[in-house]
Structure formats: C-alpha cells, structure tokens
Amino acid sequence: MAATAVRYLRSVGAPTATGPVPVDPLPRPALRAVGDDERLPLDRGKFRRVLGHFASGVTIVTAHDPADPSGPAGFACQSFSSLSLDPPLVTFMVARTSTTWPRIARAGAFCVNILGADQGALCRGFAVSGADKFAGVAHSPAPATGSPLLDSVPAWVDCRIQAVHTGGDHLIVVGRVEALGATADDDGDGEGPLLFHRGAFGRFSG
C-alpha cells in the first residue's frame, strides 16, 4: 500500500522521503480511460438514477502546495468516508479527469471540510471548474498539514496521503488522519449535515 502511494506521488512530482525508499517493482496501473470491454451492459442513466437513492454527505477537499503558483486547490466531494480506526484512515474518490486532483497529489496532504445543511452555495462554488473557488471564502491553515480549513464548516479532518488506488474511471485516495475537529454543538442542536440525494441538496430531519 505504501509503495503504491510513493509511486503515485513520484509520478506527479511530490516529495516522498529523504532517504532510500523500497519500491515495489510492479508498474503503477496506467491512468487511462475505461475500455468498452470493461463496461457492464448497464444504462448509464439508470445506474445514476438508482444509485442516486443513496443519500451521501457533502464535503470540500482542499490542499495547498506552497510551490503551486495557482494558490490553494479544492473541489466538492460527496464520496468521502471513514475507513479505519486503527490506524485512523479516511478515503475519498476523485475522477481521473479531475484537474484539481494532481494539485492535491503534489501537496501530499489534504483537509476534508464537512459541510453543514446551510452550505449548499459554498458547495456549488467548489463544484465548478476554471473559477477562483477561494474568492471570498475565509480559511486558515489546518494544524497538521497547512491545508485550507474553511472557517465556516462544522467539522474537518486533516490528512496526509497514504495510498492511491485505481477504481474504474476514478481514483481511490486513502488519507491518514493527522488532526481533526468539530465546531458543531455536541448536543445535536446544530443545523445538521448537508446531504445530497437524487440530484439535489437536502438536510437531515430527525
């Protein structure tokens, strides 16, 4: 697993370690488009409609490579999930065609900003490409990695990239948690999380 991460980070120019690192001799899978012979005989529209019935939380994944002249990077992500308690690991999926992901990979770290129910507009701002996503968005460096921690989010998870796996037309990114926190009320009186269900934002109603 660690060797896979090292190979990927080297391929995008990210620093890996100061000394010699053993590398698995097997080549990293080519990040290519999915071939016709790999697709199941399913209608894409139906696939999306059926899977859309599964409600997911919504996050913004951010990173900052000081050597990147474009400044901080980030994108809206609904495929975030916890993965392991010991060691503390989380995961998210990102499309191979993403132009933001290579910038996060070069940084070698990221912060998952978990959105609250009233932050649909913030999510939409990070879901577009080609715009200054951080314009007017207050943030500060996350404590462990320096990745942008958005001021208004109810919870956040600060991570370093541990592994990257291929999964069809997406990459599966595994992060090791270095720090985390929450500002929402512990008694559950907050607004709750922002949810995505059947193509629209919603909120939890207890």
C-alpha atoms as a PDB file:
ATOM      1  CA  MET A   1       0.000   0.000   0.000  1.00  0.00           C
ATOM      2  CA  ALA A   2       2.770   2.447   0.958  1.00  0.00           C
ATOM      3  CA  ALA A   3       4.719   1.613  -2.190  1.00  0.00           C
ATOM      4  CA  THR A   4       1.691   2.426  -4.325  1.00  0.00           C
ATOM      5  CA  ALA A   5       1.439   5.866  -2.734  1.00  0.00           C
ATOM      6  CA  VAL A   6       5.173   6.508  -3.228  1.00  0.00           C
ATOM      7  CA  ARG A   7       4.980   5.587  -6.914  1.00  0.00           C
ATOM      8  CA  TYR A   8       1.986   7.858  -7.491  1.00  0.00           C
ATOM      9  CA  LEU A   9       3.420  10.836  -5.645  1.00  0.00           C
ATOM     10  CA  ARG A  10       6.706  10.493  -7.544  1.00  0.00           C
ATOM     11  CA  SER A  11       4.808  10.433 -10.825  1.00  0.00           C
ATOM     12  CA  VAL A  12       3.253  13.837 -10.071  1.00  0.00           C
ATOM     13  CA  GLY A  13       6.442  15.362  -8.682  1.00  0.00           C
ATOM     14  CA  ALA A  14       5.602  15.278  -4.963  1.00  0.00           C
ATOM     15  CA  PRO A  15       8.358  14.711  -2.396  1.00  0.00           C
ATOM     16  CA  THR A  16       8.270  11.281  -0.823  1.00  0.00           C
ATOM     17  CA  ALA A  17      11.123  10.764   1.649  1.00  0.00           C
ATOM     18  CA  THR A  18      14.633  11.998   2.416  1.00  0.00           C
ATOM     19  CA  GLY A  19      16.299   8.589   2.212  1.00  0.00           C
ATOM     20  CA  PRO A  20      16.089   5.485   0.038  1.00  0.00           C
ATOM     21  CA  VAL A  21      12.584   4.069  -0.167  1.00  0.00           C
ATOM     22  CA  PRO A  22      11.943   0.451  -1.223  1.00  0.00           C
ATOM     23  CA  VAL A  23       9.667   0.427  -4.234  1.00  0.00           C
ATOM     24  CA  ASP A  24       7.569  -2.437  -5.469  1.00  0.00           C
ATOM     25  CA  PRO A  25       8.947  -3.347  -8.936  1.00  0.00           C
ATOM     26  CA  LEU A  26       5.446  -3.810 -10.346  1.00  0.00           C
ATOM     27  CA  PRO A  27       4.463  -0.830 -12.518  1.00  0.00           C
ATOM     28  CA  ARG A  28       1.697   1.533 -11.436  1.00  0.00           C
ATOM     29  CA  PRO A  29      -1.524   0.936 -13.405  1.00  0.00           C
ATOM     30  CA  ALA A  30      -1.904   3.329 -16.314  1.00  0.00           C
ATOM     31  CA  LEU A  31      -4.455   6.067 -15.593  1.00  0.00           C
ATOM     32  CA  ARG A  32      -6.407   5.545 -18.779  1.00  0.00           C
ATOM     33  CA  ALA A  33      -9.999   5.753 -19.878  1.00  0.00           C
ATOM     34  CA  VAL A  34     -12.173   2.730 -19.213  1.00  0.00           C
ATOM     35  CA  GLY A  35     -12.301   0.442 -22.240  1.00  0.00           C
ATOM     36  CA  ASP A  36     -15.556  -0.718 -23.830  1.00  0.00           C
ATOM     37  CA  ASP A  37     -14.794  -4.310 -22.861  1.00  0.00           C
ATOM     38  CA  GLU A  38     -14.652  -3.293 -19.182  1.00  0.00           C
ATOM     39  CA  ARG A  39     -18.146  -1.822 -19.051  1.00  0.00           C
ATOM     40  CA  LEU A  40     -21.135  -3.782 -17.856  1.00  0.00           C
ATOM     41  CA  PRO A  41     -24.199  -3.819 -20.114  1.00  0.00           C
ATOM     42  CA  LEU A  42     -25.949  -1.202 -17.965  1.00  0.00           C
ATOM     43  CA  ASP A  43     -27.627   2.008 -18.972  1.00  0.00           C
ATOM     44  CA  ARG A  44     -25.634   4.919 -17.511  1.00  0.00           C
ATOM     45  CA  GLY A  45     -28.730   6.949 -16.817  1.00  0.00           C
ATOM     46  CA  LYS A  46     -30.360   4.100 -14.924  1.00  0.00           C
ATOM     47  CA  PHE A  47     -27.159   3.479 -12.963  1.00  0.00           C
ATOM     48  CA  ARG A  48     -27.109   7.091 -11.802  1.00  0.00           C
ATOM     49  CA  ARG A  49     -30.834   7.192 -11.018  1.00  0.00           C
ATOM     50  CA  VAL A  50     -30.734   4.054  -8.895  1.00  0.00           C
ATOM     51  CA  LEU A  51     -27.544   4.984  -7.029  1.00  0.00           C
ATOM     52  CA  GLY A  52     -28.974   8.466  -6.509  1.00  0.00           C
ATOM     53  CA  HIS A  53     -31.365   6.973  -3.976  1.00  0.00           C
ATOM     54  CA  PHE A  54     -28.402   6.590  -1.617  1.00  0.00           C
ATOM     55  CA  ALA A  55     -28.042   9.843   0.321  1.00  0.00           C
ATOM     56  CA  SER A  56     -24.491  10.976   0.993  1.00  0.00           C
ATOM     57  CA  GLY A  57     -22.825  13.694   2.978  1.00  0.00           C
ATOM     58  CA  VAL A  58     -21.084  16.547   1.161  1.00  0.00           C
ATOM     59  CA  THR A  59     -17.545  17.805   1.735  1.00  0.00           C
ATOM     60  CA  ILE A  60     -14.962  20.112   0.225  1.00  0.00           C
ATOM     61  CA  VAL A  61     -11.492  18.590  -0.096  1.00  0.00           C
ATOM     62  CA  THR A  62      -8.738  21.225  -0.028  1.00  0.00           C
ATOM     63  CA  ALA A  63      -4.956  21.280  -0.304  1.00  0.00           C
ATOM     64  CA  HIS A  64      -2.123  23.778  -0.573  1.00  0.00           C
ATOM     65  CA  ASP A  65       1.268  23.190  -2.128  1.00  0.00           C
ATOM     66  CA  PRO A  66       3.459  26.246  -1.313  1.00  0.00           C
ATOM     67  CA  ALA A  67       5.251  25.704  -4.633  1.00  0.00           C
ATOM     68  CA  ASP A  68       1.998  25.917  -6.605  1.00  0.00           C
ATOM     69  CA  PRO A  69       1.718  29.434  -8.089  1.00  0.00           C
ATOM     70  CA  SER A  70      -2.036  28.967  -8.538  1.00  0.00           C
ATOM     71  CA  GLY A  71      -2.593  29.031  -4.782  1.00  0.00           C
ATOM     72  CA  PRO A  72      -4.809  26.602  -2.838  1.00  0.00           C
ATOM     73  CA  ALA A  73      -6.824  23.871  -4.543  1.00  0.00           C
ATOM     74  CA  GLY A  74     -10.181  22.346  -3.673  1.00  0.00           C
ATOM     75  CA  PHE A  75     -13.217  20.538  -5.021  1.00  0.00           C
ATOM     76  CA  ALA A  76     -16.658  19.457  -3.842  1.00  0.00           C
ATOM     77  CA  CYS A  77     -16.745  15.779  -2.925  1.00  0.00           C
ATOM     78  CA  GLN A  78     -19.621  13.513  -1.903  1.00  0.00           C
ATOM     79  CA  SER A  79     -17.621  10.260  -1.888  1.00  0.00           C
ATOM     80  CA  PHE A  80     -15.840  10.828   1.430  1.00  0.00           C
ATOM     81  CA  SER A  81     -15.953   8.097   4.075  1.00  0.00           C
ATOM     82  CA  SER A  82     -14.174   6.878   7.182  1.00  0.00           C
ATOM     83  CA  LEU A  83     -12.117   3.759   6.505  1.00  0.00           C
ATOM     84  CA  SER A  84     -10.201   2.592   9.584  1.00  0.00           C
ATOM     85  CA  LEU A  85     -10.000   3.430  13.280  1.00  0.00           C
ATOM     86  CA  ASP A  86      -6.592   1.862  13.948  1.00  0.00           C
ATOM     87  CA  PRO A  87      -4.722   3.368  12.202  1.00  0.00           C
ATOM     88  CA  PRO A  88      -7.056   6.338  11.622  1.00  0.00           C
ATOM     89  CA  LEU A  89      -7.741   6.359   7.880  1.00  0.00           C
ATOM     90  CA  VAL A  90     -10.324   8.046   5.655  1.00  0.00           C
ATOM     91  CA  THR A  91     -10.964   7.796   1.930  1.00  0.00           C
ATOM     92  CA  PHE A  92     -12.477   9.731  -0.936  1.00  0.00           C
ATOM     93  CA  MET A  93     -12.879   9.093  -4.646  1.00  0.00           C
ATOM     94  CA  VAL A  94     -11.978  11.510  -7.431  1.00  0.00           C
ATOM     95  CA  ALA A  95     -12.403  11.259 -11.198  1.00  0.00           C
ATOM     96  CA  ARG A  96      -9.269  10.505 -13.190  1.00  0.00           C
ATOM     97  CA  THR A  97     -10.134  13.504 -15.366  1.00  0.00           C
ATOM     98  CA  SER A  98     -10.071  15.920 -12.408  1.00  0.00           C
ATOM     99  CA  THR A  99      -7.762  18.892 -12.919  1.00  0.00           C
ATOM    100  CA  THR A 100      -7.718  19.615  -9.174  1.00  0.00           C
ATOM    101  CA  TRP A 101      -6.523  16.174  -8.086  1.00  0.00           C
ATOM    102  CA  PRO A 102      -2.954  16.485  -9.482  1.00  0.00           C
ATOM    103  CA  ARG A 103      -2.503  19.640  -7.405  1.00  0.00           C
ATOM    104  CA  ILE A 104      -3.683  17.823  -4.271  1.00  0.00           C
ATOM    105  CA  ALA A 105      -1.383  14.897  -5.076  1.00  0.00           C
ATOM    106  CA  ARG A 106       1.613  17.227  -5.386  1.00  0.00           C
ATOM    107  CA  ALA A 107       0.775  18.737  -1.995  1.00  0.00           C
ATOM    108  CA  GLY A 108       0.781  15.226  -0.495  1.00  0.00           C
ATOM    109  CA  ALA A 109      -1.913  16.196   2.001  1.00  0.00           C
ATOM    110  CA  PHE A 110      -5.492  17.412   2.178  1.00  0.00           C
ATOM    111  CA  CYS A 111      -8.198  18.650   4.517  1.00  0.00           C
ATOM    112  CA  VAL A 112     -11.753  17.344   4.323  1.00  0.00           C
ATOM    113  CA  ASN A 113     -14.164  20.156   5.180  1.00  0.00           C
ATOM    114  CA  ILE A 114     -17.517  18.628   6.177  1.00  0.00           C
ATOM    115  CA  LEU A 115     -20.384  20.906   5.179  1.00  0.00           C
ATOM    116  CA  GLY A 116     -23.419  21.929   7.184  1.00  0.00           C
ATOM    117  CA  ALA A 117     -27.018  21.980   5.966  1.00  0.00           C
ATOM    118  CA  ASP A 118     -26.923  25.688   5.071  1.00  0.00           C
ATOM    119  CA  GLN A 119     -23.761  25.491   2.941  1.00  0.00           C
ATOM    120  CA  GLY A 120     -25.167  24.435  -0.423  1.00  0.00           C
ATOM    121  CA  ALA A 121     -23.956  27.658  -2.058  1.00  0.00           C
ATOM    122  CA  LEU A 122     -20.425  27.066  -0.772  1.00  0.00           C
ATOM    123  CA  CYS A 123     -20.508  23.554  -2.219  1.00  0.00           C
ATOM    124  CA  ARG A 124     -21.674  24.835  -5.624  1.00  0.00           C
ATOM    125  CA  GLY A 125     -18.786  27.313  -5.682  1.00  0.00           C
ATOM    126  CA  PHE A 126     -16.277  24.472  -5.341  1.00  0.00           C
ATOM    127  CA  ALA A 127     -18.104  22.253  -7.839  1.00  0.00           C
ATOM    128  CA  VAL A 128     -17.287  24.478 -10.820  1.00  0.00           C
ATOM    129  CA  SER A 129     -14.048  24.437 -12.779  1.00  0.00           C
ATOM    130  CA  GLY A 130     -11.980  27.330 -14.039  1.00  0.00           C
ATOM    131  CA  ALA A 131     -13.073  29.812 -11.370  1.00  0.00           C
ATOM    132  CA  ASP A 132     -11.315  31.179  -8.285  1.00  0.00           C
ATOM    133  CA  LYS A 133     -13.033  28.857  -5.831  1.00  0.00           C
ATOM    134  CA  PHE A 134     -11.488  30.515  -2.789  1.00  0.00           C
ATOM    135  CA  ALA A 135     -12.579  34.065  -3.671  1.00  0.00           C
ATOM    136  CA  GLY A 136     -14.347  35.468  -0.621  1.00  0.00           C
ATOM    137  CA  VAL A 137     -14.027  32.183   1.301  1.00  0.00           C
ATOM    138  CA  ALA A 138     -12.320  32.675   4.672  1.00  0.00           C
ATOM    139  CA  HIS A 139      -9.921  29.914   5.649  1.00  0.00           C
ATOM    140  CA  SER A 140      -6.875  29.199   7.781  1.00  0.00           C
ATOM    141  CA  PRO A 141      -4.128  26.539   7.684  1.00  0.00           C
ATOM    142  CA  ALA A 142      -5.141  23.192   9.137  1.00  0.00           C
ATOM    143  CA  PRO A 143      -2.902  22.403  12.119  1.00  0.00           C
ATOM    144  CA  ALA A 144      -1.025  19.364  10.804  1.00  0.00           C
ATOM    145  CA  THR A 145      -0.684  19.878   7.044  1.00  0.00           C
ATOM    146  CA  GLY A 146      -1.437  23.534   6.400  1.00  0.00           C
ATOM    147  CA  SER A 147      -4.241  22.615   4.002  1.00  0.00           C
ATOM    148  CA  PRO A 148      -7.052  25.195   3.849  1.00  0.00           C
ATOM    149  CA  LEU A 149      -9.530  24.762   6.691  1.00  0.00           C
ATOM    150  CA  LEU A 150     -12.678  26.688   5.766  1.00  0.00           C
ATOM    151  CA  ASP A 151     -13.794  28.927   8.624  1.00  0.00           C
ATOM    152  CA  SER A 152     -17.495  28.172   8.499  1.00  0.00           C
ATOM    153  CA  VAL A 153     -17.547  24.353   8.393  1.00  0.00           C
ATOM    154  CA  PRO A 154     -18.923  22.370  11.347  1.00  0.00           C
ATOM    155  CA  ALA A 155     -16.216  19.670  11.182  1.00  0.00           C
ATOM    156  CA  TRP A 156     -12.909  18.939   9.455  1.00  0.00           C
ATOM    157  CA  VAL A 157     -10.347  16.147   9.027  1.00  0.00           C
ATOM    158  CA  ASP A 158      -6.684  16.969   8.273  1.00  0.00           C
ATOM    159  CA  CYS A 159      -4.807  14.182   6.439  1.00  0.00           C
ATOM    160  CA  ARG A 160      -1.664  13.125   4.631  1.00  0.00           C
ATOM    161  CA  ILE A 161      -1.975  10.930   1.551  1.00  0.00           C
ATOM    162  CA  GLN A 162      -1.178   7.331   2.422  1.00  0.00           C
ATOM    163  CA  ALA A 163      -2.203   5.447  -0.737  1.00  0.00           C
ATOM    164  CA  VAL A 164      -3.856   5.886  -4.110  1.00  0.00           C
ATOM    165  CA  HIS A 165      -5.654   3.027  -5.881  1.00  0.00           C
ATOM    166  CA  THR A 166      -7.374   2.813  -9.240  1.00  0.00           C
ATOM    167  CA  GLY A 167     -11.097   2.110  -9.392  1.00  0.00           C
ATOM    168  CA  GLY A 168     -12.559   2.239 -12.883  1.00  0.00           C
ATOM    169  CA  ASP A 169     -12.807   5.840 -14.038  1.00  0.00           C
ATOM    170  CA  HIS A 170     -11.946   7.109 -10.539  1.00  0.00           C
ATOM    171  CA  LEU A 171      -9.023   7.071  -8.121  1.00  0.00           C
ATOM    172  CA  ILE A 172      -9.459   5.879  -4.544  1.00  0.00           C
ATOM    173  CA  VAL A 173      -7.450   8.115  -2.238  1.00  0.00           C
ATOM    174  CA  VAL A 174      -6.607   6.953   1.270  1.00  0.00           C
ATOM    175  CA  GLY A 175      -5.536   9.531   3.828  1.00  0.00           C
ATOM    176  CA  ARG A 176      -4.022   9.061   7.262  1.00  0.00           C
ATOM    177  CA  VAL A 177      -5.671  11.376   9.774  1.00  0.00           C
ATOM    178  CA  GLU A 178      -3.228  13.757  11.470  1.00  0.00           C
ATOM    179  CA  ALA A 179      -5.733  16.081  13.163  1.00  0.00           C
ATOM    180  CA  LEU A 180      -9.482  16.662  13.243  1.00  0.00           C
ATOM    181  CA  GLY A 181     -12.100  18.713  14.990  1.00  0.00           C
ATOM    182  CA  ALA A 182     -15.711  19.858  15.114  1.00  0.00           C
ATOM    183  CA  THR A 183     -17.342  23.162  15.984  1.00  0.00           C
ATOM    184  CA  ALA A 184     -20.944  21.932  15.934  1.00  0.00           C
ATOM    185  CA  ASP A 185     -22.796  21.546  19.222  1.00  0.00           C
ATOM    186  CA  ASP A 186     -22.247  18.174  20.880  1.00  0.00           C
ATOM    187  CA  ASP A 187     -25.890  18.036  21.970  1.00  0.00           C
ATOM    188  CA  GLY A 188     -27.175  17.855  18.398  1.00  0.00           C
ATOM    189  CA  ASP A 189     -28.828  21.285  18.368  1.00  0.00           C
ATOM    190  CA  GLY A 190     -26.901  22.364  15.248  1.00  0.00           C
ATOM    191  CA  GLU A 191     -28.285  22.614  11.727  1.00  0.00           C
ATOM    192  CA  GLY A 192     -27.055  19.133  10.842  1.00  0.00           C
ATOM    193  CA  PRO A 193     -25.136  17.997   7.740  1.00  0.00           C
ATOM    194  CA  LEU A 194     -25.592  18.933   4.102  1.00  0.00           C
ATOM    195  CA  LEU A 195     -26.882  15.883   2.222  1.00  0.00           C
ATOM    196  CA  PHE A 196     -27.061  15.033  -1.471  1.00  0.00           C
ATOM    197  CA  HIS A 197     -29.954  12.856  -2.639  1.00  0.00           C
ATOM    198  CA  ARG A 198     -31.338  12.221  -6.124  1.00  0.00           C
ATOM    199  CA  GLY A 199     -29.522  15.177  -7.649  1.00  0.00           C
ATOM    200  CA  ALA A 200     -30.464  17.765  -5.020  1.00  0.00           C
ATOM    201  CA  PHE A 201     -29.239  19.073  -1.686  1.00  0.00           C
ATOM    202  CA  GLY A 202     -31.193  18.308   1.461  1.00  0.00           C
ATOM    203  CA  ARG A 203     -30.846  18.096   5.205  1.00  0.00           C
ATOM    204  CA  PHE A 204     -31.389  15.558   7.953  1.00  0.00           C
ATOM    205  CA  SER A 205     -34.736  15.762   9.700  1.00  0.00           C
ATOM    206  CA  GLY A 206     -34.920  13.835  12.973  1.00  0.00           C
END
